[in-house]
Amino acid sequence: MGDRAHTNGTVPPSAYRLIAEFREPPAEFEGCFTTFYHMTLTIDPGAGPLVDYLQPEWANIRFFCGGAPAAEIGDTRIADAPFVATGASALPCRFTMPSVQMWGVGFLPLGWARFFDADASACTNMITDGASHPVFRHFAGLTETLCNPEIDREEQFAAIVAAMRQRMRPTRDDARIRRVHAELVEGEHAAVHDLADACAMSIRTLERLCMRYFGFAPKLLMRRQRFMRSLSTYMLQRGSRWTEAMDALYHDQAQFTREFREFMTMNPSEYAALDHPILTSFMEARARVWGSAAQTLDPPAPPR
């Protein structure tokens, strides 16, 4: 993304207002979603748009009303699409956001298994127009409801639930997906064979399961999870140093810096120097709802 990726908007905090609302999915969807969420961003005339970065995350679908972002992940870019979809990522998403209302749905690996027919590995590090992409377009029908300002939010939320209920189908891998995800979130495994042993499966089976539903090989998933814990801690503990936020599994600061560069395409000092007007507000709002920093970038571990 070059130097352009390391620039950031300078809109003062007094010039925008962000309201984030998180809806807990019904119990029938346990383990499938990070959350259903609605965001209202209002920017004073002449002050916007805002520029920020999303950290690596699981797959998402987002519906925009009143405007749409310009965004990029790796080599993929999109602009002016009301329905934006992303696969699981190990890279940041840089976006430019106008005043907008947005509904979002974050899919955990179990959700990918139950709602999508493609291998997750085929959609990693990608942002796309969900209405035209064959993997995501079965949710395009939600656009009419979620992007209509005349429809109230309760009806919009009900439409999301109904669409998910209609599309969900269990898979034979449900239990194994839950187990792997729980070990990734809760465990402190230093090697892939340790993760495989904890999940009671062979390394080959683990690798196949991870590529199919998680999008990446087990080793990368373990490194990504370790990095995300560190980034979450840093973002939510304002004024902390990177050395204080680093996960205990890092050997030293040099290793952390290398992985930061890989996952965020910049050094920690470059990232710290940027404004994060949307991400910080969004993370803090979600942390207040869910009650812990760790859940902001990854929800509670699925039940075993």
Protein backbone atom coordinates (compact mmCIF):
# COMPACT_ATOMS: atom_id res chain seq x y z
CA MET A 1 0.00 0.00 0.00
CA GLY A 2 3.05 2.22 0.06
CA ASP A 3 3.38 5.55 1.84
CA ARG A 4 -0.31 6.32 1.31
CA ALA A 5 -1.19 3.57 3.76
CA HIS A 6 0.67 5.35 6.55
CA THR A 7 -1.17 8.65 6.31
CA ASN A 8 -4.11 9.44 8.55
CA GLY A 9 -6.91 11.94 8.79
CA THR A 10 -6.60 14.91 11.12
CA VAL A 11 -10.27 15.49 11.90
CA PRO A 12 -10.44 16.83 15.47
CA PRO A 13 -12.53 14.82 17.97
CA SER A 14 -14.95 17.71 18.34
CA ALA A 15 -15.86 17.46 14.64
CA TYR A 16 -17.35 13.97 14.68
CA ARG A 17 -19.64 11.83 16.80
CA LEU A 18 -19.72 8.04 16.80
CA ILE A 19 -22.41 5.90 18.38
CA ALA A 20 -21.84 2.13 18.38
CA GLU A 21 -24.54 -0.34 19.40
CA PHE A 22 -23.90 -4.06 19.84
CA ARG A 23 -26.63 -6.69 19.65
CA GLU A 24 -26.08 -10.15 21.07
CA PRO A 25 -27.11 -12.78 18.51
CA PRO A 26 -29.86 -15.17 19.65
CA ALA A 27 -28.71 -18.27 21.51
CA GLU A 28 -29.38 -20.52 18.51
CA PHE A 29 -26.34 -18.89 16.84
CA GLU A 30 -23.94 -19.53 19.72
CA GLY A 31 -20.34 -19.55 18.51
CA CYS A 32 -21.15 -18.30 15.01
CA PHE A 33 -20.68 -14.53 15.32
CA THR A 34 -18.52 -11.95 17.03
CA THR A 35 -21.62 -9.74 17.28
CA PHE A 36 -24.25 -7.89 15.28
CA TYR A 37 -23.48 -4.19 15.48
CA HIS A 38 -24.76 -0.82 14.32
CA MET A 39 -22.70 2.33 13.98
CA THR A 40 -23.73 5.92 13.37
CA LEU A 41 -20.90 8.27 12.37
CA THR A 42 -21.68 11.98 12.02
CA ILE A 43 -18.96 14.31 10.76
CA ASP A 44 -19.35 18.07 10.72
CA PRO A 45 -19.57 19.60 7.23
CA GLY A 46 -16.14 20.34 5.85
CA ALA A 47 -14.35 18.27 8.49
CA GLY A 48 -14.28 14.78 7.03
CA PRO A 49 -13.88 12.12 6.00
CA LEU A 50 -12.12 10.12 8.71
CA VAL A 51 -9.24 7.73 7.97
CA ASP A 52 -8.46 4.73 10.14
CA TYR A 53 -7.31 1.11 10.11
CA LEU A 54 -9.09 -2.07 11.08
CA GLN A 55 -6.88 -4.72 12.62
CA PRO A 56 -6.81 -8.25 11.17
CA GLU A 57 -10.17 -9.88 11.85
CA TRP A 58 -12.52 -12.69 10.94
CA ALA A 59 -14.93 -12.42 8.00
CA ASN A 60 -17.46 -9.58 8.02
CA ILE A 61 -20.36 -8.26 6.02
CA ARG A 62 -21.23 -4.56 6.37
CA PHE A 63 -24.13 -2.53 4.99
CA PHE A 64 -23.84 1.26 4.62
CA CYS A 65 -26.61 3.83 4.54
CA GLY A 66 -26.11 7.50 3.60
CA GLY A 67 -22.58 7.00 2.32
CA ALA A 68 -19.96 4.31 1.84
CA PRO A 69 -16.25 3.99 2.63
CA ALA A 70 -13.28 3.65 0.36
CA ALA A 71 -11.28 0.76 1.75
CA GLU A 72 -8.41 -1.57 0.95
CA ILE A 73 -6.90 -4.79 2.26
CA GLY A 74 -3.65 -5.79 0.62
CA ASP A 75 -4.12 -5.52 -3.14
CA THR A 76 -7.93 -5.41 -3.04
CA ARG A 77 -9.87 -2.13 -2.97
CA ILE A 78 -13.47 -1.01 -2.99
CA ALA A 79 -15.40 2.26 -2.98
CA ASP A 80 -19.03 3.38 -2.99
CA ALA A 81 -20.52 -0.08 -2.42
CA PRO A 82 -23.45 -0.28 0.05
CA PHE A 83 -22.70 -3.96 0.78
CA VAL A 84 -19.04 -4.62 1.62
CA ALA A 85 -17.69 -8.08 2.48
CA THR A 86 -14.35 -9.25 3.77
CA GLY A 87 -12.83 -12.63 4.37
CA ALA A 88 -10.63 -13.51 7.32
CA SER A 89 -7.58 -11.28 7.29
CA ALA A 90 -3.99 -11.20 8.47
CA LEU A 91 -3.51 -7.66 7.16
CA PRO A 92 -5.04 -4.31 8.14
CA CYS A 93 -7.97 -2.71 6.36
CA ARG A 94 -7.36 0.98 5.67
CA PHE A 95 -10.57 2.91 5.15
CA THR A 96 -11.81 6.44 4.54
CA MET A 97 -15.24 6.97 6.09
CA PRO A 98 -17.82 9.73 5.49
CA SER A 99 -20.86 10.39 7.66
CA VAL A 100 -22.73 7.10 7.54
CA GLN A 101 -24.92 4.54 9.27
CA MET A 102 -23.72 0.96 9.14
CA TRP A 103 -24.86 -2.51 10.14
CA GLY A 104 -22.18 -5.16 10.50
CA VAL A 105 -22.05 -8.89 11.12
CA GLY A 106 -18.80 -10.58 12.14
CA PHE A 107 -18.50 -14.30 11.40
CA LEU A 108 -16.40 -16.57 13.57
CA PRO A 109 -14.97 -19.74 11.96
CA LEU A 110 -18.04 -21.72 13.05
CA GLY A 111 -20.18 -19.06 11.38
CA TRP A 112 -18.14 -19.40 8.20
CA ALA A 113 -18.76 -23.14 8.24
CA ARG A 114 -22.51 -22.72 8.68
CA PHE A 115 -23.18 -19.79 6.34
CA PHE A 116 -20.69 -20.02 3.47
CA ASP A 117 -19.99 -22.76 0.95
CA ALA A 118 -16.42 -21.78 0.02
CA ASP A 119 -13.12 -22.54 1.72
CA ALA A 120 -12.24 -19.61 3.98
CA SER A 121 -8.71 -19.72 2.54
CA ALA A 122 -10.11 -18.64 -0.85
CA CYS A 123 -11.30 -15.30 0.59
CA THR A 124 -8.51 -14.23 2.94
CA ASN A 125 -7.07 -10.70 2.92
CA MET A 126 -9.82 -9.58 0.56
CA ILE A 127 -12.41 -6.81 0.52
CA THR A 128 -15.14 -6.93 -2.11
CA ASP A 129 -18.57 -5.83 -3.25
CA GLY A 130 -20.68 -8.43 -1.50
CA ALA A 131 -23.53 -8.07 -3.99
CA SER A 132 -21.39 -9.32 -6.89
CA HIS A 133 -19.07 -11.80 -5.18
CA PRO A 134 -20.32 -15.43 -5.47
CA VAL A 135 -19.35 -16.32 -1.89
CA PHE A 136 -21.21 -13.42 -0.26
CA ARG A 137 -24.04 -12.45 -2.60
CA HIS A 138 -26.61 -14.69 -0.91
CA PHE A 139 -26.77 -11.94 1.75
CA ALA A 140 -27.29 -9.15 -0.80
CA GLY A 141 -31.03 -9.18 -0.15
CA LEU A 142 -30.40 -7.55 3.22
CA THR A 143 -29.21 -4.38 1.50
CA GLU A 144 -32.71 -3.16 0.74
CA THR A 145 -33.68 -3.26 4.42
CA LEU A 146 -30.44 -2.33 6.16
CA CYS A 147 -29.63 0.54 3.81
CA ASN A 148 -33.10 2.08 4.03
CA PRO A 149 -33.22 4.97 6.55
CA GLU A 150 -37.02 4.77 6.64
CA ILE A 151 -36.92 1.32 8.28
CA ASP A 152 -36.41 1.40 12.03
CA ARG A 153 -33.49 -0.34 13.69
CA GLU A 154 -35.53 -3.04 15.42
CA GLU A 155 -36.97 -4.15 12.10
CA GLN A 156 -33.51 -4.10 10.57
CA PHE A 157 -32.12 -6.23 13.38
CA ALA A 158 -35.01 -8.67 12.95
CA ALA A 159 -34.18 -8.89 9.24
CA ILE A 160 -30.59 -9.88 10.03
CA VAL A 161 -31.75 -12.57 12.44
CA ALA A 162 -34.28 -13.91 9.92
CA ALA A 163 -31.68 -14.03 7.14
CA MET A 164 -29.22 -15.90 9.35
CA ARG A 165 -31.88 -18.31 10.54
CA GLN A 166 -32.85 -19.08 6.96
CA ARG A 167 -29.26 -19.67 5.83
CA MET A 168 -27.76 -21.56 8.77
CA ARG A 169 -27.00 -25.26 8.47
CA PRO A 170 -24.90 -27.33 10.90
CA THR A 171 -21.85 -29.19 9.62
CA ARG A 172 -20.18 -32.40 10.65
CA ASP A 173 -17.13 -30.37 11.69
CA ASP A 174 -18.93 -28.13 14.21
CA ALA A 175 -17.43 -29.72 17.33
CA ARG A 176 -13.90 -29.73 15.94
CA ILE A 177 -14.16 -26.09 14.86
CA ARG A 178 -15.26 -25.11 18.36
CA ARG A 179 -12.38 -27.03 19.91
CA VAL A 180 -9.72 -25.49 17.67
CA HIS A 181 -11.10 -21.99 18.19
CA ALA A 182 -11.21 -22.43 21.96
CA GLU A 183 -7.60 -23.60 22.03
CA LEU A 184 -6.49 -20.69 19.86
CA VAL A 185 -8.18 -18.17 22.15
CA GLU A 186 -7.50 -19.77 25.52
CA GLY A 187 -4.36 -21.79 24.93
CA GLU A 188 -0.72 -20.79 25.07
CA HIS A 189 0.61 -23.30 22.60
CA ALA A 190 4.13 -22.67 21.36
CA ALA A 191 4.05 -25.11 18.42
CA VAL A 192 1.54 -26.55 15.97
CA HIS A 193 1.96 -30.07 17.33
CA ASP A 194 0.99 -28.77 20.79
CA LEU A 195 -2.18 -27.25 19.34
CA ALA A 196 -2.95 -30.48 17.46
CA ASP A 197 -2.48 -32.55 20.62
CA ALA A 198 -4.74 -30.21 22.61
CA CYS A 199 -7.41 -30.58 19.91
CA ALA A 200 -6.99 -34.38 19.79
CA MET A 201 -6.32 -34.48 16.05
CA SER A 202 -3.43 -35.05 13.70
CA ILE A 203 -1.43 -32.11 12.36
CA ARG A 204 -2.70 -32.86 8.86
CA THR A 205 -6.34 -32.84 10.01
CA LEU A 206 -5.75 -29.63 11.94
CA GLU A 207 -4.19 -27.96 8.90
CA ARG A 208 -7.07 -29.02 6.66
CA LEU A 209 -9.69 -27.83 9.14
CA CYS A 210 -7.97 -24.48 9.66
CA MET A 211 -7.64 -23.73 5.95
CA ARG A 212 -11.26 -24.69 5.30
CA TYR A 213 -12.92 -22.71 8.08
CA PHE A 214 -10.35 -20.34 9.62
CA GLY A 215 -8.66 -19.25 6.39
CA PHE A 216 -5.04 -19.72 7.42
CA ALA A 217 -2.62 -22.46 8.43
CA PRO A 218 -2.41 -23.25 12.16
CA LYS A 219 1.01 -21.64 12.65
CA LEU A 220 -0.15 -18.33 11.20
CA LEU A 221 -3.36 -18.46 13.24
CA MET A 222 -1.37 -18.93 16.44
CA ARG A 223 0.92 -16.01 15.60
CA ARG A 224 -2.06 -13.86 14.58
CA GLN A 225 -3.87 -14.58 17.85
CA ARG A 226 -0.80 -13.69 19.89
CA PHE A 227 -0.44 -10.43 17.98
CA MET A 228 -4.11 -9.55 18.36
CA ARG A 229 -3.97 -9.99 22.12
CA SER A 230 -1.08 -7.55 22.23
CA LEU A 231 -2.73 -4.97 19.97
CA SER A 232 -5.99 -5.14 21.93
CA THR A 233 -4.19 -4.51 25.19
CA TYR A 234 -2.31 -1.56 23.75
CA MET A 235 -5.38 0.05 22.20
CA LEU A 236 -7.49 -0.20 25.32
CA GLN A 237 -4.82 0.80 27.82
CA ARG A 238 -4.12 4.30 26.59
CA GLY A 239 -0.71 5.55 27.57
CA SER A 240 0.76 2.05 27.81
CA ARG A 241 3.99 1.12 26.08
CA TRP A 242 4.30 -1.64 23.54
CA THR A 243 6.60 -3.52 25.93
CA GLU A 244 3.77 -3.50 28.48
CA ALA A 245 1.21 -4.74 25.93
CA MET A 246 3.34 -7.48 24.37
CA ASP A 247 2.01 -10.99 24.83
CA ALA A 248 4.12 -13.18 27.14
CA LEU A 249 4.75 -15.66 24.32
CA TYR A 250 6.97 -13.20 22.45
CA HIS A 251 10.67 -13.93 22.95
CA ASP A 252 11.68 -10.27 22.79
CA GLN A 253 10.66 -6.88 21.40
CA ALA A 254 12.45 -7.53 18.11
CA GLN A 255 10.21 -10.52 17.42
CA PHE A 256 7.13 -8.48 18.26
CA THR A 257 8.24 -5.66 15.94
CA ARG A 258 8.76 -8.11 13.06
CA GLU A 259 5.31 -9.57 13.51
CA PHE A 260 3.74 -6.15 13.90
CA ARG A 261 5.25 -5.18 10.57
CA GLU A 262 3.88 -8.34 8.97
CA PHE A 263 0.33 -8.01 10.30
CA MET A 264 -0.08 -4.21 10.15
CA THR A 265 2.36 -3.32 7.30
CA MET A 266 4.07 -0.72 9.50
CA ASN A 267 6.20 -0.52 12.63
CA PRO A 268 4.65 -0.13 16.10
CA SER A 269 5.94 3.43 16.36
CA GLU A 270 4.33 4.36 13.04
CA TYR A 271 1.02 2.89 14.15
CA ALA A 272 1.17 4.63 17.53
CA ALA A 273 1.72 7.98 15.81
CA LEU A 274 -1.55 7.70 13.85
CA ASP A 275 -4.95 8.85 15.01
CA HIS A 276 -7.51 6.05 15.39
CA PRO A 277 -10.77 8.00 15.66
CA ILE A 278 -13.12 5.21 14.70
CA LEU A 279 -11.31 2.10 15.87
CA THR A 280 -10.59 3.40 19.37
CA SER A 281 -14.16 4.59 19.91
CA PHE A 282 -15.55 1.34 18.55
CA MET A 283 -13.27 -0.85 20.65
CA GLU A 284 -13.99 1.05 23.84
CA ALA A 285 -17.73 0.85 23.24
CA ARG A 286 -17.53 -2.87 22.66
CA ALA A 287 -15.32 -3.41 25.69
CA ARG A 288 -17.93 -1.65 27.84
CA VAL A 289 -20.59 -4.02 26.52
CA TRP A 290 -18.62 -7.27 26.74
CA GLY A 291 -16.63 -6.38 29.82
CA SER A 292 -13.04 -7.17 28.91
CA ALA A 293 -10.31 -6.00 26.61
CA ALA A 294 -9.63 -9.47 25.28
CA GLN A 295 -13.13 -9.76 23.91
CA THR A 296 -12.82 -6.61 21.86
CA LEU A 297 -10.75 -8.19 19.12
CA ASP A 298 -11.90 -11.73 19.71
CA PRO A 299 -14.99 -12.87 21.60
CA PRO A 300 -15.04 -15.39 24.42
CA ALA A 301 -13.76 -18.82 23.54
CA PRO A 302 -16.50 -21.10 22.20
CA PRO A 303 -17.74 -23.81 24.57
CA ARG A 304 -15.83 -27.08 24.36
